[in-house]
Amino acid sequence: MKIHKGDEVQVLSGKHRGKTGEVIRAIPEQRKVVVSGVNISKRHQRPTRARYEIGKDGTKTRVCAKCGGKL
């Protein structure tokens, strides 16, 4: 394989086609390379926790458990 760690490469296929980046790791047995900034997935955010408060007039409202703001 002629591509090594540190080389600047351009992605030729897939959803990141056309992006360029530096090779972080080369895996010659699988003929693959890991390119920085390509195929990065974001970790999911935990949904806002809510609790219910009952007002003086008896109405029930959803309230953020962390900040106390209305949802």
N, C-alpha and C. Protein backbone atom coordinates (compact mmCIF):
# COMPACT_ATOMS: atom_id res chain seq x y z
N MET A 1 0.85 -1.18 0.00
CA MET A 1 0.00 0.00 0.00
C MET A 1 0.89 1.24 0.00
N LYS A 2 0.55 2.21 -0.82
CA LYS A 2 1.42 3.38 -0.99
C LYS A 2 1.03 4.56 -0.12
N ILE A 3 -0.06 4.42 0.63
CA ILE A 3 -0.51 5.51 1.50
C ILE A 3 -0.03 5.23 2.92
N HIS A 4 0.55 6.24 3.56
CA HIS A 4 1.10 6.07 4.89
C HIS A 4 0.53 7.12 5.85
N LYS A 5 0.76 6.90 7.14
CA LYS A 5 0.33 7.82 8.17
C LYS A 5 0.94 9.20 7.92
N GLY A 6 0.11 10.25 8.02
CA GLY A 6 0.60 11.61 7.82
C GLY A 6 0.35 12.14 6.41
N ASP A 7 0.01 11.27 5.47
CA ASP A 7 -0.26 11.71 4.10
C ASP A 7 -1.58 12.48 4.04
N GLU A 8 -1.67 13.43 3.13
CA GLU A 8 -2.90 14.17 2.89
C GLU A 8 -3.64 13.45 1.76
N VAL A 9 -4.88 13.03 2.02
CA VAL A 9 -5.63 12.26 1.03
C VAL A 9 -7.00 12.89 0.80
N GLN A 10 -7.61 12.51 -0.32
CA GLN A 10 -8.96 12.94 -0.66
C GLN A 10 -9.85 11.71 -0.72
N VAL A 11 -11.04 11.79 -0.12
CA VAL A 11 -11.97 10.67 -0.10
C VAL A 11 -12.62 10.57 -1.48
N LEU A 12 -12.64 9.36 -2.03
CA LEU A 12 -13.14 9.16 -3.39
C LEU A 12 -14.56 8.62 -3.44
N SER A 13 -15.05 8.03 -2.36
CA SER A 13 -16.39 7.46 -2.41
C SER A 13 -17.07 7.60 -1.06
N GLY A 14 -18.38 7.38 -1.05
CA GLY A 14 -19.15 7.46 0.19
C GLY A 14 -19.73 8.85 0.41
N LYS A 15 -20.37 9.03 1.55
CA LYS A 15 -21.05 10.30 1.81
C LYS A 15 -20.08 11.45 2.05
N HIS A 16 -18.80 11.15 2.32
CA HIS A 16 -17.79 12.19 2.54
C HIS A 16 -16.91 12.39 1.30
N ARG A 17 -17.38 11.98 0.14
CA ARG A 17 -16.64 12.10 -1.11
C ARG A 17 -16.23 13.55 -1.35
N GLY A 18 -14.96 13.76 -1.65
CA GLY A 18 -14.46 15.09 -1.93
C GLY A 18 -13.75 15.74 -0.76
N LYS A 19 -13.98 15.26 0.45
CA LYS A 19 -13.30 15.84 1.62
C LYS A 19 -11.84 15.42 1.63
N THR A 20 -11.01 16.29 2.17
CA THR A 20 -9.60 15.95 2.31
C THR A 20 -9.24 15.94 3.79
N GLY A 21 -8.22 15.15 4.11
CA GLY A 21 -7.78 15.06 5.50
C GLY A 21 -6.49 14.28 5.60
N GLU A 22 -5.93 14.29 6.79
CA GLU A 22 -4.66 13.60 7.04
C GLU A 22 -4.92 12.18 7.49
N VAL A 23 -4.11 11.24 7.02
CA VAL A 23 -4.24 9.85 7.42
C VAL A 23 -3.73 9.72 8.86
N ILE A 24 -4.60 9.23 9.73
CA ILE A 24 -4.26 9.03 11.14
C ILE A 24 -3.66 7.64 11.33
N ARG A 25 -4.21 6.68 10.59
CA ARG A 25 -3.81 5.29 10.75
C ARG A 25 -4.00 4.54 9.45
N ALA A 26 -3.08 3.69 9.10
CA ALA A 26 -3.19 2.86 7.90
C ALA A 26 -3.33 1.40 8.31
N ILE A 27 -4.25 0.68 7.67
CA ILE A 27 -4.47 -0.74 7.96
C ILE A 27 -4.25 -1.51 6.65
N PRO A 28 -3.00 -1.85 6.35
CA PRO A 28 -2.69 -2.47 5.05
C PRO A 28 -3.36 -3.82 4.83
N GLU A 29 -3.58 -4.61 5.90
CA GLU A 29 -4.21 -5.93 5.73
C GLU A 29 -5.61 -5.80 5.14
N GLN A 30 -6.31 -4.74 5.52
CA GLN A 30 -7.68 -4.51 5.04
C GLN A 30 -7.72 -3.49 3.91
N ARG A 31 -6.56 -2.98 3.54
CA ARG A 31 -6.43 -1.93 2.53
C ARG A 31 -7.31 -0.73 2.87
N LYS A 32 -7.25 -0.29 4.14
CA LYS A 32 -8.04 0.84 4.62
C LYS A 32 -7.15 1.83 5.33
N VAL A 33 -7.63 3.08 5.37
CA VAL A 33 -6.95 4.12 6.15
C VAL A 33 -8.00 4.87 6.95
N VAL A 34 -7.59 5.43 8.07
CA VAL A 34 -8.46 6.27 8.89
C VAL A 34 -8.04 7.70 8.65
N VAL A 35 -9.00 8.53 8.22
CA VAL A 35 -8.72 9.91 7.84
C VAL A 35 -9.36 10.85 8.86
N SER A 36 -8.61 11.86 9.30
CA SER A 36 -9.13 12.79 10.30
C SER A 36 -10.25 13.63 9.72
N GLY A 37 -11.31 13.82 10.51
CA GLY A 37 -12.43 14.65 10.11
C GLY A 37 -13.42 14.00 9.18
N VAL A 38 -13.27 12.70 8.92
CA VAL A 38 -14.17 12.01 8.00
C VAL A 38 -14.90 10.90 8.75
N ASN A 39 -16.19 10.76 8.47
CA ASN A 39 -17.03 9.72 9.07
C ASN A 39 -17.07 9.83 10.59
N ILE A 40 -17.13 11.06 11.09
CA ILE A 40 -17.23 11.31 12.52
C ILE A 40 -18.70 11.28 12.91
N SER A 41 -19.05 10.50 13.93
CA SER A 41 -20.43 10.46 14.38
C SER A 41 -20.54 11.19 15.71
N LYS A 42 -21.64 11.88 15.90
CA LYS A 42 -21.86 12.63 17.13
C LYS A 42 -22.58 11.75 18.14
N ARG A 43 -22.24 11.92 19.40
CA ARG A 43 -22.87 11.16 20.45
C ARG A 43 -24.23 11.78 20.73
N HIS A 44 -25.22 10.94 21.00
CA HIS A 44 -26.57 11.47 21.23
C HIS A 44 -26.62 12.26 22.54
N GLN A 45 -27.50 13.23 22.57
CA GLN A 45 -27.70 14.04 23.76
C GLN A 45 -28.84 13.42 24.59
N ARG A 46 -28.67 13.41 25.88
CA ARG A 46 -29.72 12.89 26.76
C ARG A 46 -30.90 13.85 26.72
N PRO A 47 -32.13 13.33 26.61
CA PRO A 47 -33.28 14.21 26.57
C PRO A 47 -33.45 14.95 27.91
N THR A 48 -34.05 16.12 27.81
CA THR A 48 -34.27 16.94 29.02
C THR A 48 -35.18 16.20 30.00
N ARG A 49 -34.76 16.13 31.26
CA ARG A 49 -35.59 15.50 32.29
C ARG A 49 -36.64 16.50 32.75
N ALA A 50 -37.85 16.01 32.95
CA ALA A 50 -38.94 16.90 33.33
C ALA A 50 -39.63 16.36 34.58
N ARG A 51 -40.17 17.27 35.35
CA ARG A 51 -41.01 16.90 36.47
C ARG A 51 -42.27 17.76 36.40
N TYR A 52 -43.26 17.41 37.17
CA TYR A 52 -44.52 18.15 37.15
C TYR A 52 -44.68 18.92 38.44
N GLU A 53 -45.17 20.14 38.32
CA GLU A 53 -45.49 20.94 39.49
C GLU A 53 -46.96 21.30 39.42
N ILE A 54 -47.58 21.27 40.58
CA ILE A 54 -49.00 21.62 40.64
C ILE A 54 -49.12 23.02 41.22
N GLY A 55 -49.75 23.91 40.44
CA GLY A 55 -49.91 25.31 40.85
C GLY A 55 -50.97 25.46 41.93
N LYS A 56 -51.07 26.68 42.45
CA LYS A 56 -52.05 26.98 43.51
C LYS A 56 -53.49 26.81 43.02
N ASP A 57 -53.68 27.03 41.71
CA ASP A 57 -55.03 26.88 41.16
C ASP A 57 -55.31 25.44 40.72
N GLY A 58 -54.35 24.52 40.97
CA GLY A 58 -54.56 23.10 40.67
C GLY A 58 -54.09 22.66 39.30
N THR A 59 -53.50 23.57 38.52
CA THR A 59 -53.03 23.19 37.20
C THR A 59 -51.67 22.48 37.32
N LYS A 60 -51.51 21.50 36.46
CA LYS A 60 -50.26 20.72 36.45
C LYS A 60 -49.42 21.20 35.26
N THR A 61 -48.16 21.61 35.51
CA THR A 61 -47.28 22.07 34.43
C THR A 61 -45.98 21.29 34.44
N ARG A 62 -45.42 21.08 33.25
CA ARG A 62 -44.12 20.41 33.12
C ARG A 62 -43.02 21.42 33.39
N VAL A 63 -42.02 21.02 34.18
CA VAL A 63 -40.93 21.89 34.56
C VAL A 63 -39.61 21.14 34.38
N CYS A 64 -38.60 21.83 33.90
CA CYS A 64 -37.28 21.22 33.73
C CYS A 64 -36.70 20.89 35.10
N ALA A 65 -36.23 19.66 35.27
CA ALA A 65 -35.70 19.23 36.58
C ALA A 65 -34.38 19.91 36.89
N LYS A 66 -33.65 20.34 35.88
CA LYS A 66 -32.33 20.93 36.10
C LYS A 66 -32.42 22.42 36.43
N CYS A 67 -33.12 23.18 35.57
CA CYS A 67 -33.11 24.64 35.73
C CYS A 67 -34.42 25.19 36.30
N GLY A 68 -35.50 24.40 36.28
CA GLY A 68 -36.77 24.88 36.81
C GLY A 68 -37.61 25.65 35.81
N GLY A 69 -37.12 25.78 34.58
CA GLY A 69 -37.86 26.51 33.56
C GLY A 69 -39.02 25.70 32.99
N LYS A 70 -40.00 26.38 32.45
CA LYS A 70 -41.16 25.69 31.86
C LYS A 70 -40.77 25.02 30.55
N LEU A 71 -41.38 23.87 30.30
CA LEU A 71 -41.12 23.13 29.05
C LEU A 71 -42.30 23.23 28.13
